[in-house]
N, C-alpha and C. Protein backbone atom coordinates (compact mmCIF):
# COMPACT_ATOMS: atom_id res chain seq x y z
N MET A 1 149.93 82.81 101.62
CA MET A 1 149.03 82.70 100.48
C MET A 1 148.71 81.23 100.24
N THR A 2 147.46 80.96 99.91
CA THR A 2 147.06 79.59 99.61
C THR A 2 146.80 79.44 98.12
N VAL A 3 146.96 78.21 97.66
CA VAL A 3 146.77 77.88 96.25
C VAL A 3 145.68 76.81 96.17
N ARG A 4 144.73 77.00 95.27
CA ARG A 4 143.64 76.03 95.10
C ARG A 4 144.18 74.78 94.40
N MET A 5 143.88 73.63 94.98
CA MET A 5 144.32 72.35 94.46
C MET A 5 143.10 71.45 94.29
N GLU A 6 143.29 70.35 93.56
CA GLU A 6 142.23 69.36 93.44
C GLU A 6 142.85 67.98 93.48
N LEU A 7 142.06 67.03 93.92
CA LEU A 7 142.50 65.64 93.94
C LEU A 7 142.55 65.15 92.50
N SER A 8 143.74 64.77 92.04
CA SER A 8 143.84 64.36 90.64
C SER A 8 143.93 62.84 90.49
N ARG A 9 144.50 62.17 91.49
CA ARG A 9 144.63 60.71 91.37
C ARG A 9 144.66 60.05 92.74
N ILE A 10 144.22 58.81 92.77
CA ILE A 10 144.35 57.95 93.94
C ILE A 10 145.07 56.70 93.46
N PHE A 11 146.14 56.35 94.14
CA PHE A 11 146.87 55.13 93.81
C PHE A 11 146.61 54.13 94.92
N ILE A 12 145.83 53.09 94.62
CA ILE A 12 145.52 52.07 95.62
C ILE A 12 146.20 50.77 95.22
N ARG A 13 147.09 50.33 96.11
CA ARG A 13 147.77 49.05 95.94
C ARG A 13 147.45 48.24 97.18
N GLU A 14 146.45 47.40 97.10
CA GLU A 14 145.91 46.74 98.28
C GLU A 14 146.89 45.83 99.00
N LEU A 15 147.97 45.45 98.35
CA LEU A 15 148.96 44.60 98.99
C LEU A 15 150.04 45.40 99.70
N LYS A 16 149.94 46.70 99.68
CA LYS A 16 150.93 47.58 100.33
C LYS A 16 150.25 48.38 101.43
N ASP A 17 151.05 48.78 102.44
CA ASP A 17 150.51 49.59 103.52
C ASP A 17 150.28 51.04 103.11
N LEU A 18 151.22 51.59 102.32
CA LEU A 18 151.10 52.98 101.91
C LEU A 18 150.41 53.12 100.57
N GLN A 19 149.48 54.04 100.52
CA GLN A 19 148.79 54.40 99.29
C GLN A 19 149.14 55.85 99.02
N PHE A 20 148.78 56.36 97.86
CA PHE A 20 149.10 57.75 97.54
C PHE A 20 147.91 58.44 96.90
N ILE A 21 147.75 59.71 97.26
CA ILE A 21 146.85 60.57 96.53
C ILE A 21 147.73 61.66 95.92
N GLU A 22 147.28 62.21 94.82
CA GLU A 22 148.03 63.30 94.20
C GLU A 22 147.14 64.52 94.11
N LEU A 23 147.67 65.64 94.54
CA LEU A 23 146.97 66.91 94.42
C LEU A 23 147.59 67.69 93.28
N GLN A 24 146.74 68.32 92.46
CA GLN A 24 147.16 69.08 91.29
C GLN A 24 146.66 70.51 91.44
N GLU A 25 147.51 71.47 91.12
CA GLU A 25 147.13 72.87 91.16
C GLU A 25 146.00 73.12 90.15
N VAL A 26 144.94 73.80 90.56
CA VAL A 26 143.78 74.02 89.70
C VAL A 26 144.14 74.86 88.48
N ASP A 27 144.80 75.97 88.68
CA ASP A 27 145.14 76.86 87.56
C ASP A 27 146.64 76.89 87.32
N GLY A 28 147.27 75.74 87.40
CA GLY A 28 148.71 75.68 87.23
C GLY A 28 149.15 74.26 86.95
N GLU A 29 150.44 74.05 87.05
CA GLU A 29 150.99 72.74 86.69
C GLU A 29 151.61 72.00 87.86
N ARG A 30 151.65 72.62 89.03
CA ARG A 30 152.30 71.95 90.16
C ARG A 30 151.41 70.85 90.73
N SER A 31 152.07 69.79 91.18
CA SER A 31 151.36 68.69 91.83
C SER A 31 152.31 68.04 92.81
N PHE A 32 151.76 67.26 93.72
CA PHE A 32 152.59 66.50 94.65
C PHE A 32 151.78 65.35 95.23
N PRO A 33 152.47 64.28 95.63
CA PRO A 33 151.79 63.14 96.24
C PRO A 33 151.77 63.26 97.77
N ILE A 34 150.80 62.62 98.36
CA ILE A 34 150.72 62.48 99.82
C ILE A 34 150.52 60.99 100.10
N ALA A 35 151.38 60.43 100.93
CA ALA A 35 151.24 59.03 101.33
C ALA A 35 150.13 58.93 102.38
N ILE A 36 149.24 57.96 102.18
CA ILE A 36 148.13 57.76 103.12
C ILE A 36 147.96 56.26 103.35
N GLY A 37 147.16 55.91 104.33
CA GLY A 37 146.88 54.51 104.62
C GLY A 37 145.80 53.94 103.71
N LEU A 38 145.73 52.63 103.65
CA LEU A 38 144.73 51.96 102.81
C LEU A 38 143.30 52.31 103.23
N PRO A 39 142.96 52.33 104.53
CA PRO A 39 141.57 52.67 104.89
C PRO A 39 141.16 54.06 104.41
N GLU A 40 142.09 55.03 104.50
CA GLU A 40 141.77 56.38 104.06
C GLU A 40 141.62 56.44 102.55
N ALA A 41 142.50 55.73 101.83
CA ALA A 41 142.39 55.68 100.36
C ALA A 41 141.06 55.06 99.94
N GLN A 42 140.67 53.99 100.60
CA GLN A 42 139.40 53.35 100.28
C GLN A 42 138.22 54.26 100.62
N ALA A 43 138.33 55.00 101.72
CA ALA A 43 137.26 55.93 102.10
C ALA A 43 137.12 57.05 101.06
N ILE A 44 138.25 57.58 100.60
CA ILE A 44 138.20 58.62 99.57
C ILE A 44 137.57 58.08 98.30
N GLU A 45 138.02 56.91 97.88
CA GLU A 45 137.49 56.31 96.65
C GLU A 45 135.99 56.04 96.78
N ARG A 46 135.56 55.50 97.92
CA ARG A 46 134.15 55.19 98.15
C ARG A 46 133.30 56.46 98.10
N ARG A 47 133.78 57.51 98.76
CA ARG A 47 133.02 58.76 98.81
C ARG A 47 132.97 59.43 97.44
N LEU A 48 134.05 59.35 96.66
CA LEU A 48 134.05 59.90 95.30
C LEU A 48 133.05 59.18 94.40
N LYS A 49 132.93 57.87 94.61
CA LYS A 49 132.03 57.07 93.79
C LYS A 49 130.59 57.10 94.31
N GLY A 50 130.39 57.73 95.48
CA GLY A 50 129.04 57.82 96.05
C GLY A 50 128.52 56.49 96.58
N LEU A 51 129.42 55.59 96.94
CA LEU A 51 129.01 54.28 97.46
C LEU A 51 128.64 54.41 98.94
N GLU A 52 127.50 53.86 99.28
CA GLU A 52 127.01 53.92 100.65
C GLU A 52 127.28 52.59 101.36
N PRO A 53 128.10 52.60 102.42
CA PRO A 53 128.30 51.37 103.17
C PRO A 53 127.04 51.05 103.99
N PRO A 54 126.88 49.81 104.40
CA PRO A 54 125.67 49.46 105.18
C PRO A 54 125.59 50.20 106.51
N ARG A 55 126.73 50.55 107.08
CA ARG A 55 126.78 51.32 108.33
C ARG A 55 127.68 52.52 108.12
N PRO A 56 127.45 53.64 108.78
CA PRO A 56 128.30 54.82 108.62
C PRO A 56 129.75 54.53 109.00
N GLN A 57 130.66 55.00 108.19
CA GLN A 57 132.09 54.89 108.47
C GLN A 57 132.52 56.17 109.22
N THR A 58 133.75 56.21 109.65
CA THR A 58 134.24 57.34 110.45
C THR A 58 134.04 58.68 109.77
N HIS A 59 134.34 58.76 108.47
CA HIS A 59 134.20 60.04 107.77
C HIS A 59 132.73 60.43 107.61
N ASP A 60 131.86 59.44 107.47
CA ASP A 60 130.43 59.70 107.41
C ASP A 60 129.94 60.23 108.75
N LEU A 61 130.44 59.64 109.83
CA LEU A 61 130.08 60.08 111.18
C LEU A 61 130.49 61.53 111.40
N LEU A 62 131.72 61.87 111.01
CA LEU A 62 132.18 63.25 111.20
C LEU A 62 131.36 64.22 110.36
N ALA A 63 131.05 63.86 109.13
CA ALA A 63 130.23 64.73 108.27
C ALA A 63 128.85 64.94 108.90
N SER A 64 128.26 63.87 109.42
CA SER A 64 126.94 63.97 110.07
C SER A 64 127.01 64.82 111.33
N THR A 65 128.10 64.69 112.08
CA THR A 65 128.26 65.46 113.31
C THR A 65 128.38 66.95 113.01
N ILE A 66 129.19 67.29 112.02
CA ILE A 66 129.34 68.71 111.64
C ILE A 66 127.97 69.27 111.24
N GLU A 67 127.24 68.53 110.43
CA GLU A 67 125.92 68.97 109.97
C GLU A 67 124.92 69.08 111.13
N ALA A 68 124.90 68.08 112.01
CA ALA A 68 123.96 68.08 113.13
C ALA A 68 124.23 69.24 114.09
N LEU A 69 125.47 69.68 114.16
CA LEU A 69 125.81 70.81 115.03
C LEU A 69 125.65 72.16 114.33
N GLY A 70 125.07 72.13 113.12
CA GLY A 70 124.78 73.36 112.40
C GLY A 70 125.94 73.92 111.61
N GLY A 71 126.94 73.10 111.36
CA GLY A 71 128.11 73.57 110.63
C GLY A 71 128.13 73.10 109.19
N THR A 72 129.00 73.73 108.41
CA THR A 72 129.22 73.36 107.02
C THR A 72 130.72 73.34 106.78
N LEU A 73 131.21 72.25 106.20
CA LEU A 73 132.63 72.19 105.85
C LEU A 73 132.84 73.10 104.65
N GLU A 74 133.56 74.21 104.85
CA GLU A 74 133.77 75.21 103.81
C GLU A 74 134.94 74.85 102.90
N HIS A 75 136.08 74.52 103.50
CA HIS A 75 137.25 74.13 102.72
C HIS A 75 138.29 73.45 103.61
N ILE A 76 139.31 72.93 102.96
CA ILE A 76 140.42 72.24 103.60
C ILE A 76 141.67 73.04 103.30
N VAL A 77 142.54 73.17 104.29
CA VAL A 77 143.83 73.84 104.08
C VAL A 77 144.95 72.93 104.55
N ILE A 78 145.84 72.61 103.63
CA ILE A 78 147.07 71.90 104.01
C ILE A 78 148.08 73.00 104.28
N HIS A 79 148.44 73.15 105.55
CA HIS A 79 149.17 74.35 105.97
C HIS A 79 150.61 74.13 106.37
N ASP A 80 151.05 72.87 106.51
CA ASP A 80 152.42 72.66 106.93
C ASP A 80 152.93 71.32 106.43
N LEU A 81 154.25 71.23 106.32
CA LEU A 81 154.94 70.00 105.94
C LEU A 81 156.20 69.96 106.78
N SER A 82 156.33 68.93 107.60
CA SER A 82 157.47 68.79 108.49
C SER A 82 157.87 67.32 108.55
N ASP A 83 159.13 67.02 108.29
CA ASP A 83 159.63 65.64 108.30
C ASP A 83 158.77 64.71 107.46
N ASN A 84 158.45 65.14 106.24
CA ASN A 84 157.64 64.38 105.29
C ASN A 84 156.21 64.12 105.76
N THR A 85 155.74 64.88 106.74
CA THR A 85 154.38 64.74 107.24
C THR A 85 153.62 66.03 106.94
N PHE A 86 152.47 65.88 106.27
CA PHE A 86 151.62 67.02 105.95
C PHE A 86 150.63 67.26 107.08
N PHE A 87 150.27 68.53 107.29
CA PHE A 87 149.32 68.91 108.33
C PHE A 87 148.20 69.72 107.67
N ALA A 88 146.97 69.43 108.08
CA ALA A 88 145.82 70.09 107.47
C ALA A 88 144.85 70.59 108.53
N LYS A 89 143.93 71.43 108.07
CA LYS A 89 142.84 71.93 108.91
C LYS A 89 141.54 71.85 108.12
N LEU A 90 140.50 71.48 108.82
CA LEU A 90 139.15 71.59 108.28
C LEU A 90 138.67 72.99 108.64
N ILE A 91 138.11 73.70 107.69
CA ILE A 91 137.53 75.00 107.98
C ILE A 91 136.01 74.82 107.93
N VAL A 92 135.40 74.90 109.10
CA VAL A 92 133.96 74.69 109.25
C VAL A 92 133.32 76.04 109.58
N LYS A 93 132.23 76.33 108.90
CA LYS A 93 131.51 77.58 109.19
C LYS A 93 130.25 77.22 109.97
N ARG A 94 130.06 77.93 111.09
CA ARG A 94 128.88 77.72 111.93
C ARG A 94 128.48 79.06 112.52
N ASP A 95 127.23 79.44 112.35
CA ASP A 95 126.71 80.71 112.87
C ASP A 95 127.58 81.89 112.45
N GLY A 96 128.05 81.86 111.19
CA GLY A 96 128.84 82.96 110.65
C GLY A 96 130.29 82.97 111.09
N GLN A 97 130.69 82.03 111.91
CA GLN A 97 132.07 81.96 112.39
C GLN A 97 132.80 80.81 111.71
N GLU A 98 134.10 81.03 111.44
CA GLU A 98 134.94 79.96 110.92
C GLU A 98 135.63 79.26 112.08
N ILE A 99 135.55 77.95 112.08
CA ILE A 99 136.17 77.13 113.11
C ILE A 99 137.23 76.28 112.42
N GLU A 100 138.47 76.31 112.93
CA GLU A 100 139.55 75.50 112.38
C GLU A 100 139.71 74.24 113.22
N ILE A 101 139.73 73.09 112.54
CA ILE A 101 139.85 71.81 113.22
C ILE A 101 141.07 71.09 112.65
N ASP A 102 142.01 70.74 113.51
CA ASP A 102 143.21 70.03 113.11
C ASP A 102 142.84 68.68 112.50
N SER A 103 143.51 68.31 111.42
CA SER A 103 143.18 67.08 110.71
C SER A 103 144.38 66.55 109.95
N ARG A 104 144.37 65.25 109.70
CA ARG A 104 145.31 64.70 108.73
C ARG A 104 144.75 65.04 107.35
N PRO A 105 145.62 65.34 106.38
CA PRO A 105 145.10 65.63 105.03
C PRO A 105 144.24 64.51 104.47
N SER A 106 144.61 63.27 104.70
CA SER A 106 143.84 62.15 104.15
C SER A 106 142.42 62.12 104.71
N ASP A 107 142.27 62.39 106.01
CA ASP A 107 140.94 62.42 106.61
C ASP A 107 140.14 63.62 106.11
N ALA A 108 140.81 64.77 105.99
CA ALA A 108 140.13 65.97 105.50
C ALA A 108 139.62 65.75 104.08
N ILE A 109 140.47 65.17 103.23
CA ILE A 109 140.08 64.94 101.84
C ILE A 109 138.99 63.88 101.75
N ALA A 110 139.08 62.84 102.57
CA ALA A 110 138.01 61.83 102.59
C ALA A 110 136.69 62.46 103.00
N LEU A 111 136.74 63.35 103.98
CA LEU A 111 135.52 64.02 104.44
C LEU A 111 134.95 64.93 103.36
N GLY A 112 135.80 65.67 102.68
CA GLY A 112 135.33 66.63 101.69
C GLY A 112 135.09 66.07 100.31
N ALA A 113 135.56 64.85 100.05
CA ALA A 113 135.48 64.29 98.69
C ALA A 113 134.05 64.14 98.18
N ALA A 114 133.14 63.77 99.04
CA ALA A 114 131.77 63.51 98.60
C ALA A 114 131.05 64.78 98.17
N THR A 115 131.46 65.92 98.71
CA THR A 115 130.76 67.16 98.41
C THR A 115 131.64 68.16 97.66
N ASN A 116 132.77 67.68 97.14
CA ASN A 116 133.66 68.51 96.32
C ASN A 116 134.09 69.79 97.06
N VAL A 117 134.46 69.65 98.32
CA VAL A 117 134.93 70.77 99.14
C VAL A 117 136.28 71.24 98.60
N PRO A 118 136.47 72.55 98.44
CA PRO A 118 137.75 73.06 97.93
C PRO A 118 138.93 72.71 98.83
N ILE A 119 140.05 72.42 98.20
CA ILE A 119 141.30 72.12 98.90
C ILE A 119 142.28 73.24 98.58
N PHE A 120 142.87 73.81 99.62
CA PHE A 120 143.89 74.84 99.46
C PHE A 120 145.18 74.37 100.11
N VAL A 121 146.31 74.77 99.54
CA VAL A 121 147.61 74.42 100.08
C VAL A 121 148.41 75.71 100.21
N GLU A 122 149.05 75.88 101.36
CA GLU A 122 149.91 77.04 101.57
C GLU A 122 151.06 76.99 100.57
N GLU A 123 151.42 78.14 100.04
CA GLU A 123 152.51 78.25 99.06
C GLU A 123 153.79 77.62 99.59
N LYS A 124 154.12 77.85 100.86
CA LYS A 124 155.35 77.29 101.43
C LYS A 124 155.33 75.76 101.41
N VAL A 125 154.15 75.17 101.57
CA VAL A 125 154.03 73.71 101.52
C VAL A 125 154.26 73.22 100.09
N LEU A 126 153.70 73.92 99.12
CA LEU A 126 153.91 73.56 97.72
C LEU A 126 155.40 73.61 97.36
N GLU A 127 156.09 74.64 97.83
CA GLU A 127 157.52 74.77 97.57
C GLU A 127 158.30 73.63 98.21
N GLN A 128 157.97 73.30 99.46
CA GLN A 128 158.65 72.21 100.15
C GLN A 128 158.35 70.86 99.52
N ALA A 129 157.10 70.63 99.18
CA ALA A 129 156.69 69.34 98.61
C ALA A 129 157.39 69.10 97.28
N GLY A 130 157.64 70.18 96.54
CA GLY A 130 158.32 70.05 95.26
C GLY A 130 159.80 69.81 95.39
N SER A 131 160.37 70.14 96.56
CA SER A 131 161.81 70.01 96.73
C SER A 131 162.22 68.80 97.56
N GLU A 132 161.28 68.18 98.28
CA GLU A 132 161.61 67.03 99.12
C GLU A 132 161.45 65.74 98.34
N GLU A 133 162.31 64.79 98.66
CA GLU A 133 162.20 63.46 98.07
C GLU A 133 161.17 62.68 98.87
N PRO A 134 160.21 62.03 98.20
CA PRO A 134 159.22 61.23 98.94
C PRO A 134 159.90 60.02 99.57
N THR A 135 159.36 59.62 100.73
CA THR A 135 159.91 58.43 101.41
C THR A 135 158.96 57.28 101.32
């Protein structure tokens, strides 16, 4: 079973290597952080603010590629957590078919942030994230 989540916060500390995003349950109270890199945090922030860089960035390129190939990013699923590492999939719909693409959660969220793509998290991941100590 998956649970609908939303990006609730981005913690950017430019003098540190690790940044954090926090996902919050849409119709509940559970939340958890995900450690990400500075470039991904900046990409998420830029896309949320609708800022256009002078040249396409990696997430812009991927969004354009999905669109040019006739696909639509339907949603993101964070489906696993192993050794403090989260695993995600992009769910792209093309010609009526769903295509799953392996992704880091930070890249998936950066890609979907500009268009408010739904984020889902497997229940087992929510349970694990709530019980593990962040590193």
